[in-house]
PDB file of N, CA and C in Angstrom:
ATOM      1  N   MET A   1       0.853  -1.173   0.010  1.00  0.00           N
ATOM      2  CA  MET A   1       0.013   0.011   0.006  1.00  0.00           C
ATOM      3  C   MET A   1       0.897   1.238  -0.001  1.00  0.00           C
ATOM      4  N   PRO A   2       0.946   1.951  -1.139  1.00  0.00           N
ATOM      5  CA  PRO A   2       1.744   3.171  -1.186  1.00  0.00           C
ATOM      6  C   PRO A   2       1.052   4.313  -0.425  1.00  0.00           C
ATOM      7  N   VAL A   3       1.775   4.896   0.496  1.00  0.00           N
ATOM      8  CA  VAL A   3       1.220   5.983   1.333  1.00  0.00           C
ATOM      9  C   VAL A   3       1.757   7.315   0.824  1.00  0.00           C
ATOM     10  N   VAL A   4       0.869   8.300   0.810  1.00  0.00           N
ATOM     11  CA  VAL A   4       1.231   9.614   0.364  1.00  0.00           C
ATOM     12  C   VAL A   4       0.733  10.650   1.382  1.00  0.00           C
ATOM     13  N   LEU A   5       1.550  11.683   1.634  1.00  0.00           N
ATOM     14  CA  LEU A   5       1.151  12.775   2.504  1.00  0.00           C
ATOM     15  C   LEU A   5       0.531  13.834   1.571  1.00  0.00           C
ATOM     16  N   ARG A   6      -0.737  14.163   1.786  1.00  0.00           N
ATOM     17  CA  ARG A   6      -1.439  15.070   0.891  1.00  0.00           C
ATOM     18  C   ARG A   6      -2.500  15.827   1.628  1.00  0.00           C
ATOM     19  N   LEU A   7      -3.175  16.735   0.931  1.00  0.00           N
ATOM     20  CA  LEU A   7      -4.238  17.564   1.508  1.00  0.00           C
ATOM     21  C   LEU A   7      -5.583  16.885   1.354  1.00  0.00           C
ATOM     22  N   ARG A   8      -6.422  17.037   2.387  1.00  0.00           N
ATOM     23  CA  ARG A   8      -7.804  16.543   2.379  1.00  0.00           C
ATOM     24  C   ARG A   8      -8.673  17.754   2.599  1.00  0.00           C
ATOM     25  N   ARG A   9      -9.573  18.040   1.670  1.00  0.00           N
ATOM     26  CA  ARG A   9     -10.359  19.252   1.753  1.00  0.00           C
ATOM     27  C   ARG A   9     -11.492  19.084   2.766  1.00  0.00           C
ATOM     28  N   VAL A  10     -11.670  20.086   3.620  1.00  0.00           N
ATOM     29  CA  VAL A  10     -12.776  20.186   4.547  1.00  0.00           C
ATOM     30  C   VAL A  10     -13.292  21.637   4.483  1.00  0.00           C
ATOM     31  N   GLY A  11     -14.384  21.947   5.138  1.00  0.00           N
ATOM     32  CA  GLY A  11     -14.864  23.319   5.140  1.00  0.00           C
ATOM     33  C   GLY A  11     -16.061  23.477   4.213  1.00  0.00           C
ATOM     34  N   ALA A  12     -16.654  24.645   4.245  1.00  0.00           N
ATOM     35  CA  ALA A  12     -17.850  24.922   3.483  1.00  0.00           C
ATOM     36  C   ALA A  12     -17.513  25.272   2.021  1.00  0.00           C
ATOM     37  N   LYS A  13     -18.572  25.354   1.211  1.00  0.00           N
ATOM     38  CA  LYS A  13     -18.429  25.732  -0.182  1.00  0.00           C
ATOM     39  C   LYS A  13     -17.830  27.126  -0.276  1.00  0.00           C
ATOM     40  N   LYS A  14     -16.844  27.317  -1.101  1.00  0.00           N
ATOM     41  CA  LYS A  14     -16.139  28.587  -1.301  1.00  0.00           C
ATOM     42  C   LYS A  14     -15.344  29.053  -0.109  1.00  0.00           C
ATOM     43  N   LYS A  15     -15.217  28.224   0.933  1.00  0.00           N
ATOM     44  CA  LYS A  15     -14.409  28.516   2.107  1.00  0.00           C
ATOM     45  C   LYS A  15     -13.572  27.307   2.456  1.00  0.00           C
ATOM     46  N   PRO A  16     -12.570  26.999   1.643  1.00  0.00           N
ATOM     47  CA  PRO A  16     -11.828  25.780   1.840  1.00  0.00           C
ATOM     48  C   PRO A  16     -10.901  25.816   3.029  1.00  0.00           C
ATOM     49  N   LYS A  17     -10.772  24.724   3.684  1.00  0.00           N
ATOM     50  CA  LYS A  17      -9.714  24.456   4.647  1.00  0.00           C
ATOM     51  C   LYS A  17      -9.232  23.066   4.341  1.00  0.00           C
ATOM     52  N   TYR A  18      -8.046  22.762   4.707  1.00  0.00           N
ATOM     53  CA  TYR A  18      -7.460  21.480   4.362  1.00  0.00           C
ATOM     54  C   TYR A  18      -6.823  20.837   5.576  1.00  0.00           C
ATOM     55  N   ARG A  19      -6.801  19.529   5.594  1.00  0.00           N
ATOM     56  CA  ARG A  19      -6.057  18.769   6.580  1.00  0.00           C
ATOM     57  C   ARG A  19      -4.926  18.049   5.854  1.00  0.00           C
ATOM     58  N   ILE A  20      -3.763  18.051   6.463  1.00  0.00           N
ATOM     59  CA  ILE A  20      -2.643  17.306   5.928  1.00  0.00           C
ATOM     60  C   ILE A  20      -2.746  15.916   6.513  1.00  0.00           C
ATOM     61  N   VAL A  21      -2.877  14.917   5.612  1.00  0.00           N
ATOM     62  CA  VAL A  21      -3.120  13.549   6.050  1.00  0.00           C
ATOM     63  C   VAL A  21      -2.152  12.587   5.405  1.00  0.00           C
ATOM     64  N   ALA A  22      -1.968  11.442   6.038  1.00  0.00           N
ATOM     65  CA  ALA A  22      -1.284  10.313   5.426  1.00  0.00           C
ATOM     66  C   ALA A  22      -2.402   9.390   4.904  1.00  0.00           C
ATOM     67  N   ALA A  23      -2.394   9.103   3.606  1.00  0.00           N
ATOM     68  CA  ALA A  23      -3.470   8.349   3.020  1.00  0.00           C
ATOM     69  C   ALA A  23      -2.894   7.365   1.969  1.00  0.00           C
ATOM     70  N   ASP A  24      -3.672   6.338   1.719  1.00  0.00           N
ATOM     71  CA  ASP A  24      -3.374   5.414   0.645  1.00  0.00           C
ATOM     72  C   ASP A  24      -3.475   6.209  -0.673  1.00  0.00           C
ATOM     73  N   SER A  25      -2.530   6.060  -1.553  1.00  0.00           N
ATOM     74  CA  SER A  25      -2.519   6.839  -2.785  1.00  0.00           C
ATOM     75  C   SER A  25      -3.712   6.572  -3.681  1.00  0.00           C
ATOM     76  N   ARG A  26      -4.364   5.425  -3.490  1.00  0.00           N
ATOM     77  CA  ARG A  26      -5.516   5.078  -4.325  1.00  0.00           C
ATOM     78  C   ARG A  26      -6.838   5.614  -3.767  1.00  0.00           C
ATOM     79  N   ALA A  27      -6.825   6.140  -2.549  1.00  0.00           N
ATOM     80  CA  ALA A  27      -8.046   6.660  -1.922  1.00  0.00           C
ATOM     81  C   ALA A  27      -8.445   7.999  -2.530  1.00  0.00           C
ATOM     82  N   ALA A  28      -9.755   8.305  -2.465  1.00  0.00           N
ATOM     83  CA  ALA A  28     -10.264   9.576  -2.999  1.00  0.00           C
ATOM     84  C   ALA A  28      -9.759  10.725  -2.117  1.00  0.00           C
ATOM     85  N   ARG A  29      -9.869  11.960  -2.644  1.00  0.00           N
ATOM     86  CA  ARG A  29      -9.359  13.125  -1.911  1.00  0.00           C
ATOM     87  C   ARG A  29     -10.013  13.287  -0.570  1.00  0.00           C
ATOM     88  N   GLU A  30     -11.342  13.089  -0.478  1.00  0.00           N
ATOM     89  CA  GLU A  30     -12.042  13.170   0.805  1.00  0.00           C
ATOM     90  C   GLU A  30     -12.331  11.772   1.361  1.00  0.00           C
ATOM     91  N   GLY A  31     -11.655  10.761   0.835  1.00  0.00           N
ATOM     92  CA  GLY A  31     -11.894   9.385   1.274  1.00  0.00           C
ATOM     93  C   GLY A  31     -11.134   9.007   2.516  1.00  0.00           C
ATOM     94  N   LYS A  32     -10.933   7.722   2.636  1.00  0.00           N
ATOM     95  CA  LYS A  32     -10.253   7.188   3.829  1.00  0.00           C
ATOM     96  C   LYS A  32      -8.831   7.713   3.930  1.00  0.00           C
ATOM     97  N   PHE A  33      -8.384   7.845   5.149  1.00  0.00           N
ATOM     98  CA  PHE A  33      -6.994   8.246   5.374  1.00  0.00           C
ATOM     99  C   PHE A  33      -6.506   7.502   6.622  1.00  0.00           C
ATOM    100  N   LEU A  34      -5.186   7.458   6.778  1.00  0.00           N
ATOM    101  CA  LEU A  34      -4.579   6.692   7.864  1.00  0.00           C
ATOM    102  C   LEU A  34      -4.427   7.538   9.137  1.00  0.00           C
ATOM    103  N   GLU A  35      -4.001   8.798   8.964  1.00  0.00           N
ATOM    104  CA  GLU A  35      -3.760   9.627  10.138  1.00  0.00           C
ATOM    105  C   GLU A  35      -3.766  11.111   9.724  1.00  0.00           C
ATOM    106  N   THR A  36      -4.256  11.965  10.596  1.00  0.00           N
ATOM    107  CA  THR A  36      -4.201  13.404  10.372  1.00  0.00           C
ATOM    108  C   THR A  36      -2.906  13.954  10.942  1.00  0.00           C
ATOM    109  N   LEU A  37      -2.173  14.700  10.127  1.00  0.00           N
ATOM    110  CA  LEU A  37      -0.859  15.208  10.525  1.00  0.00           C
ATOM    111  C   LEU A  37      -0.865  16.693  10.831  1.00  0.00           C
ATOM    112  N   GLY A  38      -1.836  17.434  10.295  1.00  0.00           N
ATOM    113  CA  GLY A  38      -1.880  18.865  10.528  1.00  0.00           C
ATOM    114  C   GLY A  38      -3.006  19.510   9.764  1.00  0.00           C
ATOM    115  N   SER A  39      -2.911  20.844   9.599  1.00  0.00           N
ATOM    116  CA  SER A  39      -3.962  21.585   8.897  1.00  0.00           C
ATOM    117  C   SER A  39      -3.340  22.729   8.121  1.00  0.00           C
ATOM    118  N   TYR A  40      -4.143  23.228   7.128  1.00  0.00           N
ATOM    119  CA  TYR A  40      -3.726  24.334   6.292  1.00  0.00           C
ATOM    120  C   TYR A  40      -4.969  25.179   6.022  1.00  0.00           C
ATOM    121  N   ASP A  41      -4.904  26.481   6.320  1.00  0.00           N
ATOM    122  CA  ASP A  41      -6.006  27.394   6.091  1.00  0.00           C
ATOM    123  C   ASP A  41      -5.550  28.504   5.145  1.00  0.00           C
ATOM    124  N   PRO A  42      -5.914  28.434   3.883  1.00  0.00           N
ATOM    125  CA  PRO A  42      -5.478  29.461   2.925  1.00  0.00           C
ATOM    126  C   PRO A  42      -6.293  30.732   2.946  1.00  0.00           C
ATOM    127  N   ALA A  43      -7.418  30.749   3.713  1.00  0.00           N
ATOM    128  CA  ALA A  43      -8.323  31.899   3.710  1.00  0.00           C
ATOM    129  C   ALA A  43      -7.827  33.059   4.572  1.00  0.00           C
ATOM    130  N   VAL A  44      -6.989  32.794   5.574  1.00  0.00           N
ATOM    131  CA  VAL A  44      -6.502  33.840   6.443  1.00  0.00           C
ATOM    132  C   VAL A  44      -5.211  34.417   5.865  1.00  0.00           C
ATOM    133  N   ASN A  45      -4.891  35.641   6.303  1.00  0.00           N
ATOM    134  CA  ASN A  45      -3.678  36.256   5.811  1.00  0.00           C
ATOM    135  C   ASN A  45      -2.787  36.624   7.004  1.00  0.00           C
ATOM    136  N   PRO A  46      -1.614  36.082   7.192  1.00  0.00           N
ATOM    137  CA  PRO A  46      -0.920  35.135   6.327  1.00  0.00           C
ATOM    138  C   PRO A  46      -1.524  33.731   6.451  1.00  0.00           C
ATOM    139  N   ARG A  47      -1.282  32.916   5.441  1.00  0.00           N
ATOM    140  CA  ARG A  47      -1.832  31.555   5.428  1.00  0.00           C
ATOM    141  C   ARG A  47      -1.303  30.777   6.633  1.00  0.00           C
ATOM    142  N   LYS A  48      -2.212  30.005   7.207  1.00  0.00           N
ATOM    143  CA  LYS A  48      -1.920  29.294   8.454  1.00  0.00           C
ATOM    144  C   LYS A  48      -1.633  27.816   8.145  1.00  0.00           C
ATOM    145  N   VAL A  49      -0.427  27.380   8.500  1.00  0.00           N
ATOM    146  CA  VAL A  49      -0.012  25.990   8.319  1.00  0.00           C
ATOM    147  C   VAL A  49       0.423  25.443   9.674  1.00  0.00           C
ATOM    148  N   GLN A  50      -0.149  24.316  10.096  1.00  0.00           N
ATOM    149  CA  GLN A  50       0.247  23.677  11.336  1.00  0.00           C
ATOM    150  C   GLN A  50       0.376  22.199  11.066  1.00  0.00           C
ATOM    151  N   PHE A  51       1.408  21.578  11.637  1.00  0.00           N
ATOM    152  CA  PHE A  51       1.552  20.135  11.517  1.00  0.00           C
ATOM    153  C   PHE A  51       2.414  19.613  12.629  1.00  0.00           C
ATOM    154  N   ASP A  52       2.259  18.312  12.904  1.00  0.00           N
ATOM    155  CA  ASP A  52       3.036  17.642  13.934  1.00  0.00           C
ATOM    156  C   ASP A  52       4.309  17.067  13.280  1.00  0.00           C
ATOM    157  N   LYS A  53       5.430  17.687  13.585  1.00  0.00           N
ATOM    158  CA  LYS A  53       6.703  17.332  12.924  1.00  0.00           C
ATOM    159  C   LYS A  53       7.083  15.866  13.186  1.00  0.00           C
ATOM    160  N   GLU A  54       6.829  15.383  14.402  1.00  0.00           N
ATOM    161  CA  GLU A  54       7.193  13.995  14.705  1.00  0.00           C
ATOM    162  C   GLU A  54       6.386  13.013  13.876  1.00  0.00           C
ATOM    163  N   LYS A  55       5.115  13.268  13.710  1.00  0.00           N
ATOM    164  CA  LYS A  55       4.267  12.361  12.898  1.00  0.00           C
ATOM    165  C   LYS A  55       4.722  12.395  11.425  1.00  0.00           C
ATOM    166  N   VAL A  56       5.061  13.588  10.929  1.00  0.00           N
ATOM    167  CA  VAL A  56       5.517  13.719   9.521  1.00  0.00           C
ATOM    168  C   VAL A  56       6.787  12.920   9.338  1.00  0.00           C
ATOM    169  N   GLU A  57       7.748  13.092  10.263  1.00  0.00           N
ATOM    170  CA  GLU A  57       9.026  12.371  10.164  1.00  0.00           C
ATOM    171  C   GLU A  57       8.802  10.856  10.280  1.00  0.00           C
ATOM    172  N   TYR A  58       7.864  10.417  11.095  1.00  0.00           N
ATOM    173  CA  TYR A  58       7.527   8.991  11.188  1.00  0.00           C
ATOM    174  C   TYR A  58       7.093   8.444   9.842  1.00  0.00           C
ATOM    175  N   TRP A  59       6.146   9.136   9.186  1.00  0.00           N
ATOM    176  CA  TRP A  59       5.636   8.630   7.898  1.00  0.00           C
ATOM    177  C   TRP A  59       6.713   8.682   6.809  1.00  0.00           C
ATOM    178  N   LEU A  60       7.543   9.715   6.846  1.00  0.00           N
ATOM    179  CA  LEU A  60       8.611   9.798   5.866  1.00  0.00           C
ATOM    180  C   LEU A  60       9.609   8.669   6.057  1.00  0.00           C
ATOM    181  N   SER A  61       9.871   8.296   7.344  1.00  0.00           N
ATOM    182  CA  SER A  61      10.795   7.196   7.596  1.00  0.00           C
ATOM    183  C   SER A  61      10.206   5.857   7.136  1.00  0.00           C
ATOM    184  N   ARG A  62       8.886   5.761   7.048  1.00  0.00           N
ATOM    185  CA  ARG A  62       8.220   4.557   6.564  1.00  0.00           C
ATOM    186  C   ARG A  62       8.104   4.518   5.044  1.00  0.00           C
ATOM    187  N   GLY A  63       8.621   5.519   4.368  1.00  0.00           N
ATOM    188  CA  GLY A  63       8.646   5.508   2.897  1.00  0.00           C
ATOM    189  C   GLY A  63       7.486   6.236   2.254  1.00  0.00           C
ATOM    190  N   ALA A  64       6.758   7.067   2.979  1.00  0.00           N
ATOM    191  CA  ALA A  64       5.626   7.808   2.417  1.00  0.00           C
ATOM    192  C   ALA A  64       6.139   8.869   1.435  1.00  0.00           C
ATOM    193  N   GLN A  65       5.403   9.016   0.319  1.00  0.00           N
ATOM    194  CA  GLN A  65       5.725  10.066  -0.632  1.00  0.00           C
ATOM    195  C   GLN A  65       4.985  11.341  -0.232  1.00  0.00           C
ATOM    196  N   VAL A  66       5.418  12.472  -0.740  1.00  0.00           N
ATOM    197  CA  VAL A  66       4.811  13.756  -0.378  1.00  0.00           C
ATOM    198  C   VAL A  66       4.299  14.421  -1.681  1.00  0.00           C
ATOM    199  N   SER A  67       3.060  14.893  -1.640  1.00  0.00           N
ATOM    200  CA  SER A  67       2.536  15.590  -2.819  1.00  0.00           C
ATOM    201  C   SER A  67       3.256  16.905  -2.980  1.00  0.00           C
ATOM    202  N   ASP A  68       3.213  17.466  -4.211  1.00  0.00           N
ATOM    203  CA  ASP A  68       3.925  18.687  -4.493  1.00  0.00           C
ATOM    204  C   ASP A  68       3.441  19.859  -3.614  1.00  0.00           C
ATOM    205  N   THR A  69       2.150  19.960  -3.416  1.00  0.00           N
ATOM    206  CA  THR A  69       1.575  21.031  -2.617  1.00  0.00           C
ATOM    207  C   THR A  69       2.041  20.946  -1.161  1.00  0.00           C
ATOM    208  N   VAL A  70       1.955  19.750  -0.603  1.00  0.00           N
ATOM    209  CA  VAL A  70       2.373  19.557   0.797  1.00  0.00           C
ATOM    210  C   VAL A  70       3.886  19.792   0.924  1.00  0.00           C
ATOM    211  N   LYS A  71       4.646  19.377  -0.073  1.00  0.00           N
ATOM    212  CA  LYS A  71       6.073  19.618  -0.037  1.00  0.00           C
ATOM    213  C   LYS A  71       6.388  21.089   0.027  1.00  0.00           C
ATOM    214  N   SER A  72       5.658  21.918  -0.751  1.00  0.00           N
ATOM    215  CA  SER A  72       5.904  23.374  -0.721  1.00  0.00           C
ATOM    216  C   SER A  72       5.455  23.970   0.613  1.00  0.00           C
ATOM    217  N   LEU A  73       4.372  23.448   1.196  1.00  0.00           N
ATOM    218  CA  LEU A  73       3.947  23.931   2.516  1.00  0.00           C
ATOM    219  C   LEU A  73       5.008  23.619   3.579  1.00  0.00           C
ATOM    220  N   PHE A  74       5.552  22.390   3.543  1.00  0.00           N
ATOM    221  CA  PHE A  74       6.590  22.030   4.490  1.00  0.00           C
ATOM    222  C   PHE A  74       7.823  22.919   4.313  1.00  0.00           C
ATOM    223  N   LYS A  75       8.163  23.205   3.069  1.00  0.00           N
ATOM    224  CA  LYS A  75       9.340  24.026   2.791  1.00  0.00           C
ATOM    225  C   LYS A  75       9.148  25.434   3.319  1.00  0.00           C
ATOM    226  N   THR A  76       7.929  26.020   3.233  1.00  0.00           N
ATOM    227  CA  THR A  76       7.707  27.351   3.767  1.00  0.00           C
ATOM    228  C   THR A  76       7.771  27.389   5.278  1.00  0.00           C
ATOM    229  N   GLN A  77       7.541  26.221   5.915  1.00  0.00           N
ATOM    230  CA  GLN A  77       7.618  26.147   7.383  1.00  0.00           C
ATOM    231  C   GLN A  77       8.991  25.719   7.881  1.00  0.00           C
ATOM    232  N   GLY A  78       9.936  25.502   6.934  1.00  0.00           N
ATOM    233  CA  GLY A  78      11.295  25.184   7.320  1.00  0.00           C
ATOM    234  C   GLY A  78      11.600  23.710   7.543  1.00  0.00           C
ATOM    235  N   LEU A  79      10.724  22.831   7.133  1.00  0.00           N
ATOM    236  CA  LEU A  79      10.960  21.370   7.272  1.00  0.00           C
ATOM    237  C   LEU A  79      11.724  20.910   6.052  1.00  0.00           C
ATOM    238  N   ARG A  80      12.879  20.337   6.261  1.00  0.00           N
ATOM    239  CA  ARG A  80      13.728  19.851   5.178  1.00  0.00           C
ATOM    240  C   ARG A  80      13.332  18.428   4.884  1.00  0.00           C
ATOM    241  N   LEU A  81      13.082  18.147   3.578  1.00  0.00           N
ATOM    242  CA  LEU A  81      12.753  16.812   3.118  1.00  0.00           C
ATOM    243  C   LEU A  81      14.006  16.269   2.426  1.00  0.00           C
ATOM    244  N   SER A  82      14.394  15.081   2.807  1.00  0.00           N
ATOM    245  CA  SER A  82      15.619  14.496   2.230  1.00  0.00           C
ATOM    246  C   SER A  82      15.253  13.569   1.081  1.00  0.00           C
ATOM    247  N   GLN A  83      14.349  13.987   0.240  1.00  0.00           N
ATOM    248  CA  GLN A  83      13.959  13.151  -0.927  1.00  0.00           C
ATOM    249  C   GLN A  83      14.401  13.789  -2.189  1.00  0.00           C
TER     250      GLN A  83
END
């Protein structure tokens, strides 16, 4: 089961909020996921990104891939990815 760290959309119509989750790569965007790692709110200024660094490092050590969007969010928060 290939695991990917990606965004899961939550929130109302036209007011998106996202959760950073570890999910099976074959699951739907709002489908099943393994664990919630953090959140991302693009509606506030400045954009709010929160995540649990230990959980992220755990999943990366298990071979999880990171989506491009989540990778850029981690980079803006100063998390170095060794991939």
